[in-house]
Amino acid sequence: MTLSWQIWALLSASFAALTAIFAKVGVENINPDLATFIRTIIVLISFALILLATGQFRAPGEISTKTWTFLVLSGLATGASWLCYFRALKLGPATLVAPIDKLSVVLVALFAFVFLGERPSATGWAGIALISAGAVLLVLKR
């Protein structure tokens, strides 16, 4: 667990890429909402096993109302994202759905700027613009 945040982020991106490939195949012959439900059950079981194996499955202690509120909102946003993602994968090619989905990187930067007061550097904004341009280029009809 002592890896740097950069390594964890690269692992996240790698697993997200595998998620798109596995989900595209998995959603072929099933309702996308049911597929999302099944995926959610697997995620819940996986995390329960991780918590049990690491001895972290216990009462969390005092959790503030603010923390609960934002964790609930985050969970609802995750669920909505997964529902939309699986529906998009059911209807479109993974090579086009995933880049559009990754526009979330751009939206995170914009939302963090507006709501959290985070200020990316000029280089950061250039990277964000390139991600936007890349997603647009991938989905433009030729």
N, C-alpha and C. Protein backbone atom coordinates (compact mmCIF):
# COMPACT_ATOMS: atom_id res chain seq x y z
N MET A 1 0.81 -1.21 0.00
CA MET A 1 0.00 0.00 0.00
C MET A 1 0.85 1.27 0.00
N THR A 2 2.16 1.14 -0.02
CA THR A 2 3.02 2.31 0.04
C THR A 2 3.45 2.80 -1.34
N LEU A 3 2.84 2.30 -2.39
CA LEU A 3 3.16 2.79 -3.72
C LEU A 3 2.74 4.25 -3.84
N SER A 4 3.37 4.97 -4.74
CA SER A 4 3.04 6.38 -4.94
C SER A 4 1.66 6.52 -5.59
N TRP A 5 1.13 7.72 -5.50
CA TRP A 5 -0.18 7.96 -6.10
C TRP A 5 -0.13 7.78 -7.61
N GLN A 6 1.03 8.05 -8.22
CA GLN A 6 1.16 7.90 -9.67
C GLN A 6 1.02 6.43 -10.08
N ILE A 7 1.62 5.54 -9.31
CA ILE A 7 1.51 4.10 -9.60
C ILE A 7 0.06 3.65 -9.44
N TRP A 8 -0.58 4.08 -8.35
CA TRP A 8 -1.98 3.72 -8.14
C TRP A 8 -2.86 4.26 -9.28
N ALA A 9 -2.57 5.47 -9.76
CA ALA A 9 -3.35 6.04 -10.86
C ALA A 9 -3.15 5.25 -12.15
N LEU A 10 -1.91 4.81 -12.42
CA LEU A 10 -1.65 3.99 -13.61
C LEU A 10 -2.35 2.63 -13.50
N LEU A 11 -2.33 2.06 -12.30
CA LEU A 11 -3.06 0.81 -12.10
C LEU A 11 -4.56 1.02 -12.31
N SER A 12 -5.08 2.13 -11.82
CA SER A 12 -6.49 2.45 -12.01
C SER A 12 -6.83 2.55 -13.49
N ALA A 13 -5.99 3.25 -14.25
CA ALA A 13 -6.22 3.38 -15.69
C ALA A 13 -6.16 2.02 -16.38
N SER A 14 -5.23 1.18 -15.96
CA SER A 14 -5.10 -0.15 -16.56
C SER A 14 -6.34 -0.99 -16.29
N PHE A 15 -6.81 -0.98 -15.04
CA PHE A 15 -8.01 -1.75 -14.71
C PHE A 15 -9.24 -1.15 -15.37
N ALA A 16 -9.30 0.17 -15.52
CA ALA A 16 -10.42 0.80 -16.22
C ALA A 16 -10.44 0.37 -17.68
N ALA A 17 -9.26 0.26 -18.29
CA ALA A 17 -9.19 -0.20 -19.69
C ALA A 17 -9.69 -1.64 -19.79
N LEU A 18 -9.26 -2.48 -18.86
CA LEU A 18 -9.75 -3.87 -18.87
C LEU A 18 -11.25 -3.93 -18.61
N THR A 19 -11.74 -3.04 -17.77
CA THR A 19 -13.17 -2.98 -17.50
C THR A 19 -13.95 -2.75 -18.79
N ALA A 20 -13.48 -1.83 -19.62
CA ALA A 20 -14.17 -1.55 -20.88
C ALA A 20 -14.21 -2.77 -21.78
N ILE A 21 -13.08 -3.46 -21.89
CA ILE A 21 -13.01 -4.63 -22.76
C ILE A 21 -13.89 -5.75 -22.22
N PHE A 22 -13.74 -6.06 -20.93
CA PHE A 22 -14.54 -7.14 -20.32
C PHE A 22 -16.03 -6.81 -20.37
N ALA A 23 -16.38 -5.55 -20.09
CA ALA A 23 -17.78 -5.15 -20.07
C ALA A 23 -18.40 -5.22 -21.46
N LYS A 24 -17.65 -4.81 -22.47
CA LYS A 24 -18.18 -4.84 -23.84
C LYS A 24 -18.57 -6.26 -24.22
N VAL A 25 -17.73 -7.22 -23.89
CA VAL A 25 -18.04 -8.63 -24.19
C VAL A 25 -19.17 -9.12 -23.29
N GLY A 26 -19.12 -8.75 -22.01
CA GLY A 26 -20.10 -9.22 -21.05
C GLY A 26 -21.50 -8.69 -21.25
N VAL A 27 -21.64 -7.53 -21.87
CA VAL A 27 -22.94 -6.90 -22.02
C VAL A 27 -23.62 -7.27 -23.35
N GLU A 28 -22.91 -8.04 -24.18
CA GLU A 28 -23.44 -8.36 -25.51
C GLU A 28 -24.83 -8.98 -25.49
N ASN A 29 -25.07 -9.94 -24.61
CA ASN A 29 -26.32 -10.70 -24.64
C ASN A 29 -27.15 -10.52 -23.37
N ILE A 30 -27.03 -9.34 -22.75
CA ILE A 30 -27.74 -9.11 -21.49
C ILE A 30 -28.16 -7.65 -21.42
N ASN A 31 -29.21 -7.39 -20.69
CA ASN A 31 -29.66 -6.02 -20.46
C ASN A 31 -28.54 -5.26 -19.74
N PRO A 32 -28.20 -4.05 -20.19
CA PRO A 32 -27.09 -3.32 -19.57
C PRO A 32 -27.32 -2.98 -18.10
N ASP A 33 -28.58 -2.77 -17.70
CA ASP A 33 -28.85 -2.49 -16.29
C ASP A 33 -28.60 -3.73 -15.42
N LEU A 34 -28.99 -4.90 -15.92
CA LEU A 34 -28.72 -6.14 -15.20
C LEU A 34 -27.21 -6.39 -15.14
N ALA A 35 -26.52 -6.09 -16.23
CA ALA A 35 -25.06 -6.24 -16.24
C ALA A 35 -24.41 -5.34 -15.19
N THR A 36 -24.91 -4.13 -15.06
CA THR A 36 -24.39 -3.19 -14.06
C THR A 36 -24.67 -3.72 -12.65
N PHE A 37 -25.84 -4.28 -12.44
CA PHE A 37 -26.19 -4.87 -11.14
C PHE A 37 -25.24 -6.01 -10.79
N ILE A 38 -25.00 -6.89 -11.74
CA ILE A 38 -24.09 -8.02 -11.50
C ILE A 38 -22.69 -7.50 -11.18
N ARG A 39 -22.25 -6.53 -11.95
CA ARG A 39 -20.92 -5.94 -11.71
C ARG A 39 -20.85 -5.34 -10.31
N THR A 40 -21.90 -4.67 -9.89
CA THR A 40 -21.93 -4.04 -8.57
C THR A 40 -21.83 -5.09 -7.46
N ILE A 41 -22.54 -6.20 -7.62
CA ILE A 41 -22.47 -7.29 -6.64
C ILE A 41 -21.05 -7.81 -6.54
N ILE A 42 -20.39 -7.99 -7.68
CA ILE A 42 -19.01 -8.48 -7.69
C ILE A 42 -18.09 -7.49 -6.98
N VAL A 43 -18.28 -6.20 -7.24
CA VAL A 43 -17.47 -5.17 -6.57
C VAL A 43 -17.69 -5.23 -5.05
N LEU A 44 -18.94 -5.33 -4.61
CA LEU A 44 -19.24 -5.40 -3.18
C LEU A 44 -18.58 -6.62 -2.53
N ILE A 45 -18.71 -7.76 -3.15
CA ILE A 45 -18.11 -8.98 -2.60
C ILE A 45 -16.59 -8.85 -2.57
N SER A 46 -16.02 -8.33 -3.63
CA SER A 46 -14.56 -8.17 -3.69
C SER A 46 -14.05 -7.28 -2.57
N PHE A 47 -14.72 -6.15 -2.35
CA PHE A 47 -14.27 -5.25 -1.29
C PHE A 47 -14.49 -5.84 0.09
N ALA A 48 -15.58 -6.57 0.28
CA ALA A 48 -15.80 -7.24 1.56
C ALA A 48 -14.66 -8.22 1.84
N LEU A 49 -14.27 -8.99 0.82
CA LEU A 49 -13.16 -9.94 0.99
C LEU A 49 -11.84 -9.24 1.28
N ILE A 50 -11.58 -8.13 0.59
CA ILE A 50 -10.35 -7.36 0.84
C ILE A 50 -10.34 -6.83 2.27
N LEU A 51 -11.46 -6.27 2.71
CA LEU A 51 -11.54 -5.75 4.08
C LEU A 51 -11.37 -6.85 5.11
N LEU A 52 -11.99 -8.00 4.87
CA LEU A 52 -11.83 -9.13 5.78
C LEU A 52 -10.39 -9.63 5.81
N ALA A 53 -9.78 -9.77 4.64
CA ALA A 53 -8.42 -10.29 4.56
C ALA A 53 -7.40 -9.36 5.21
N THR A 54 -7.67 -8.06 5.20
CA THR A 54 -6.72 -7.10 5.76
C THR A 54 -7.09 -6.66 7.17
N GLY A 55 -8.15 -7.25 7.73
CA GLY A 55 -8.56 -6.91 9.09
C GLY A 55 -9.18 -5.54 9.24
N GLN A 56 -9.66 -4.97 8.16
CA GLN A 56 -10.23 -3.63 8.20
C GLN A 56 -11.76 -3.63 8.25
N PHE A 57 -12.36 -4.81 8.26
CA PHE A 57 -13.82 -4.91 8.26
C PHE A 57 -14.31 -4.79 9.70
N ARG A 58 -14.48 -3.56 10.13
CA ARG A 58 -14.95 -3.29 11.49
C ARG A 58 -15.68 -1.95 11.48
N ALA A 59 -16.27 -1.62 12.60
CA ALA A 59 -16.99 -0.35 12.71
C ALA A 59 -16.04 0.80 12.41
N PRO A 60 -16.46 1.72 11.56
CA PRO A 60 -15.55 2.81 11.16
C PRO A 60 -15.35 3.88 12.22
N GLY A 61 -16.13 3.86 13.28
CA GLY A 61 -16.03 4.93 14.26
C GLY A 61 -16.93 6.09 13.87
N GLU A 62 -16.64 7.24 14.43
CA GLU A 62 -17.46 8.42 14.18
C GLU A 62 -17.26 8.92 12.74
N ILE A 63 -18.37 9.05 12.02
CA ILE A 63 -18.35 9.58 10.66
C ILE A 63 -19.27 10.79 10.64
N SER A 64 -18.75 11.91 10.20
CA SER A 64 -19.53 13.16 10.21
C SER A 64 -20.65 13.11 9.17
N THR A 65 -21.64 13.97 9.37
CA THR A 65 -22.75 14.09 8.43
C THR A 65 -22.24 14.52 7.06
N LYS A 66 -21.28 15.43 7.05
CA LYS A 66 -20.71 15.88 5.77
C LYS A 66 -20.06 14.71 5.03
N THR A 67 -19.30 13.89 5.75
CA THR A 67 -18.66 12.73 5.12
C THR A 67 -19.70 11.79 4.56
N TRP A 68 -20.73 11.46 5.35
CA TRP A 68 -21.80 10.59 4.87
C TRP A 68 -22.48 11.17 3.63
N THR A 69 -22.78 12.46 3.67
CA THR A 69 -23.46 13.11 2.55
C THR A 69 -22.66 12.97 1.27
N PHE A 70 -21.37 13.28 1.35
CA PHE A 70 -20.56 13.24 0.13
C PHE A 70 -20.23 11.82 -0.31
N LEU A 71 -20.15 10.88 0.61
CA LEU A 71 -19.96 9.48 0.20
C LEU A 71 -21.23 8.94 -0.47
N VAL A 72 -22.39 9.31 0.04
CA VAL A 72 -23.65 8.91 -0.59
C VAL A 72 -23.75 9.53 -1.98
N LEU A 73 -23.46 10.83 -2.09
CA LEU A 73 -23.50 11.48 -3.41
C LEU A 73 -22.50 10.83 -4.37
N SER A 74 -21.32 10.51 -3.89
CA SER A 74 -20.31 9.85 -4.73
C SER A 74 -20.80 8.48 -5.19
N GLY A 75 -21.42 7.74 -4.28
CA GLY A 75 -21.96 6.43 -4.64
C GLY A 75 -23.07 6.53 -5.68
N LEU A 76 -23.94 7.51 -5.51
CA LEU A 76 -25.01 7.71 -6.50
C LEU A 76 -24.43 8.11 -7.86
N ALA A 77 -23.42 8.97 -7.85
CA ALA A 77 -22.79 9.38 -9.11
C ALA A 77 -22.09 8.18 -9.76
N THR A 78 -21.45 7.35 -8.96
CA THR A 78 -20.80 6.15 -9.49
C THR A 78 -21.82 5.23 -10.14
N GLY A 79 -22.92 5.00 -9.44
CA GLY A 79 -23.97 4.14 -9.99
C GLY A 79 -24.54 4.69 -11.29
N ALA A 80 -24.78 5.99 -11.33
CA ALA A 80 -25.29 6.61 -12.56
C ALA A 80 -24.27 6.48 -13.69
N SER A 81 -23.01 6.69 -13.36
CA SER A 81 -21.95 6.56 -14.36
C SER A 81 -21.89 5.15 -14.91
N TRP A 82 -21.94 4.16 -14.02
CA TRP A 82 -21.87 2.76 -14.47
C TRP A 82 -23.07 2.40 -15.34
N LEU A 83 -24.26 2.85 -14.95
CA LEU A 83 -25.46 2.57 -15.76
C LEU A 83 -25.31 3.16 -17.16
N CYS A 84 -24.86 4.40 -17.23
CA CYS A 84 -24.69 5.05 -18.53
C CYS A 84 -23.59 4.39 -19.34
N TYR A 85 -22.50 4.02 -18.68
CA TYR A 85 -21.36 3.40 -19.35
C TYR A 85 -21.75 2.06 -19.97
N PHE A 86 -22.43 1.23 -19.21
CA PHE A 86 -22.83 -0.08 -19.73
C PHE A 86 -23.84 0.06 -20.86
N ARG A 87 -24.73 1.02 -20.76
CA ARG A 87 -25.70 1.25 -21.84
C ARG A 87 -24.96 1.71 -23.10
N ALA A 88 -23.99 2.61 -22.93
CA ALA A 88 -23.21 3.08 -24.07
C ALA A 88 -22.42 1.93 -24.70
N LEU A 89 -21.83 1.06 -23.87
CA LEU A 89 -21.09 -0.10 -24.40
C LEU A 89 -22.01 -1.06 -25.13
N LYS A 90 -23.23 -1.19 -24.65
CA LYS A 90 -24.21 -2.07 -25.32
C LYS A 90 -24.51 -1.55 -26.72
N LEU A 91 -24.54 -0.22 -26.87
CA LEU A 91 -24.96 0.39 -28.13
C LEU A 91 -23.82 0.76 -29.06
N GLY A 92 -22.63 0.98 -28.52
CA GLY A 92 -21.53 1.48 -29.34
C GLY A 92 -20.24 0.70 -29.14
N PRO A 93 -19.26 0.96 -30.00
CA PRO A 93 -17.97 0.28 -29.89
C PRO A 93 -17.15 0.80 -28.70
N ALA A 94 -16.47 -0.11 -28.03
CA ALA A 94 -15.64 0.26 -26.88
C ALA A 94 -14.59 1.29 -27.24
N THR A 95 -14.08 1.22 -28.49
CA THR A 95 -13.05 2.17 -28.92
C THR A 95 -13.55 3.59 -29.04
N LEU A 96 -14.86 3.78 -29.07
CA LEU A 96 -15.44 5.13 -29.10
C LEU A 96 -16.07 5.50 -27.76
N VAL A 97 -16.67 4.52 -27.08
CA VAL A 97 -17.30 4.79 -25.79
C VAL A 97 -16.26 5.20 -24.75
N ALA A 98 -15.16 4.45 -24.67
CA ALA A 98 -14.15 4.72 -23.63
C ALA A 98 -13.53 6.12 -23.74
N PRO A 99 -13.15 6.58 -24.93
CA PRO A 99 -12.59 7.94 -24.99
C PRO A 99 -13.58 9.02 -24.55
N ILE A 100 -14.84 8.86 -24.91
CA ILE A 100 -15.83 9.83 -24.46
C ILE A 100 -15.98 9.76 -22.95
N ASP A 101 -16.01 8.54 -22.41
CA ASP A 101 -16.08 8.36 -20.97
C ASP A 101 -14.89 9.03 -20.28
N LYS A 102 -13.73 8.99 -20.90
CA LYS A 102 -12.53 9.58 -20.30
C LYS A 102 -12.54 11.10 -20.34
N LEU A 103 -13.55 11.68 -20.99
CA LEU A 103 -13.72 13.13 -20.86
C LEU A 103 -14.01 13.49 -19.41
N SER A 104 -14.28 12.48 -18.59
CA SER A 104 -14.44 12.73 -17.15
C SER A 104 -13.18 13.38 -16.58
N VAL A 105 -12.02 13.09 -17.17
CA VAL A 105 -10.77 13.71 -16.73
C VAL A 105 -10.87 15.23 -16.91
N VAL A 106 -11.39 15.63 -18.03
CA VAL A 106 -11.55 17.06 -18.32
C VAL A 106 -12.58 17.66 -17.36
N LEU A 107 -13.68 16.96 -17.17
CA LEU A 107 -14.72 17.46 -16.28
C LEU A 107 -14.24 17.55 -14.84
N VAL A 108 -13.44 16.58 -14.41
CA VAL A 108 -12.87 16.65 -13.05
C VAL A 108 -12.05 17.92 -12.90
N ALA A 109 -11.21 18.20 -13.89
CA ALA A 109 -10.38 19.41 -13.83
C ALA A 109 -11.25 20.66 -13.75
N LEU A 110 -12.28 20.72 -14.57
CA LEU A 110 -13.17 21.89 -14.56
C LEU A 110 -13.94 22.01 -13.24
N PHE A 111 -14.50 20.88 -12.78
CA PHE A 111 -15.25 20.90 -11.52
C PHE A 111 -14.33 21.22 -10.34
N ALA A 112 -13.12 20.67 -10.35
CA ALA A 112 -12.16 20.95 -9.26
C ALA A 112 -11.78 22.43 -9.27
N PHE A 113 -11.68 23.01 -10.44
CA PHE A 113 -11.38 24.44 -10.56
C PHE A 113 -12.52 25.27 -9.97
N VAL A 114 -13.74 24.94 -10.37
CA VAL A 114 -14.91 25.73 -9.96
C VAL A 114 -15.28 25.49 -8.49
N PHE A 115 -15.35 24.23 -8.08
CA PHE A 115 -15.89 23.90 -6.76
C PHE A 115 -14.84 23.74 -5.66
N LEU A 116 -13.63 23.33 -6.02
CA LEU A 116 -12.60 23.09 -5.02
C LEU A 116 -11.50 24.14 -5.02
N GLY A 117 -11.53 25.01 -6.01
CA GLY A 117 -10.52 26.05 -6.09
C GLY A 117 -9.15 25.56 -6.52
N GLU A 118 -9.09 24.37 -7.11
CA GLU A 118 -7.81 23.86 -7.59
C GLU A 118 -7.41 24.60 -8.85
N ARG A 119 -6.13 24.87 -8.98
CA ARG A 119 -5.63 25.65 -10.10
C ARG A 119 -4.54 24.90 -10.84
N PRO A 120 -4.90 24.17 -11.92
CA PRO A 120 -3.87 23.50 -12.71
C PRO A 120 -2.89 24.52 -13.30
N SER A 121 -1.68 24.07 -13.54
CA SER A 121 -0.67 24.93 -14.17
C SER A 121 -1.03 25.10 -15.65
N ALA A 122 -0.28 25.95 -16.34
CA ALA A 122 -0.49 26.14 -17.77
C ALA A 122 -0.27 24.82 -18.50
N THR A 123 0.74 24.08 -18.08
CA THR A 123 0.99 22.77 -18.68
C THR A 123 -0.18 21.82 -18.41
N GLY A 124 -0.72 21.90 -17.19
CA GLY A 124 -1.89 21.08 -16.85
C GLY A 124 -3.08 21.39 -17.74
N TRP A 125 -3.34 22.68 -17.93
CA TRP A 125 -4.46 23.08 -18.81
C TRP A 125 -4.21 22.63 -20.25
N ALA A 126 -2.97 22.68 -20.68
CA ALA A 126 -2.64 22.22 -22.04
C ALA A 126 -2.93 20.72 -22.17
N GLY A 127 -2.56 19.96 -21.16
CA GLY A 127 -2.86 18.53 -21.17
C GLY A 127 -4.35 18.26 -21.19
N ILE A 128 -5.09 19.02 -20.40
CA ILE A 128 -6.54 18.87 -20.36
C ILE A 128 -7.14 19.19 -21.73
N ALA A 129 -6.63 20.23 -22.38
CA ALA A 129 -7.11 20.58 -23.72
C ALA A 129 -6.78 19.48 -24.72
N LEU A 130 -5.60 18.89 -24.59
CA LEU A 130 -5.22 17.80 -25.51
C LEU A 130 -6.09 16.56 -25.31
N ILE A 131 -6.43 16.26 -24.06
CA ILE A 131 -7.34 15.14 -23.80
C ILE A 131 -8.68 15.41 -24.47
N SER A 132 -9.17 16.64 -24.33
CA SER A 132 -10.45 17.01 -24.97
C SER A 132 -10.36 16.85 -26.48
N ALA A 133 -9.30 17.39 -27.06
CA ALA A 133 -9.11 17.31 -28.52
C ALA A 133 -9.00 15.86 -28.96
N GLY A 134 -8.27 15.05 -28.21
CA GLY A 134 -8.11 13.65 -28.58
C GLY A 134 -9.44 12.91 -28.58
N ALA A 135 -10.28 13.15 -27.58
CA ALA A 135 -11.58 12.50 -27.52
C ALA A 135 -12.44 12.92 -28.70
N VAL A 136 -12.40 14.20 -29.03
CA VAL A 136 -13.18 14.70 -30.17
C VAL A 136 -12.70 14.08 -31.47
N LEU A 137 -11.38 14.01 -31.65
CA LEU A 137 -10.83 13.41 -32.87
C LEU A 137 -11.20 11.94 -33.02
N LEU A 138 -11.25 11.22 -31.92
CA LEU A 138 -11.59 9.81 -31.98
C LEU A 138 -13.03 9.55 -32.39
N VAL A 139 -13.91 10.45 -32.05
CA VAL A 139 -15.33 10.19 -32.33
C VAL A 139 -15.85 10.91 -33.56
N LEU A 140 -15.04 11.78 -34.16
CA LEU A 140 -15.48 12.45 -35.38
C LEU A 140 -15.66 11.45 -36.52
N LYS A 141 -16.74 11.63 -37.25
CA LYS A 141 -16.97 10.77 -38.42
C LYS A 141 -16.01 11.21 -39.53
N ARG A 142 -15.48 10.25 -40.23
CA ARG A 142 -14.55 10.57 -41.31
C ARG A 142 -15.29 10.74 -42.60
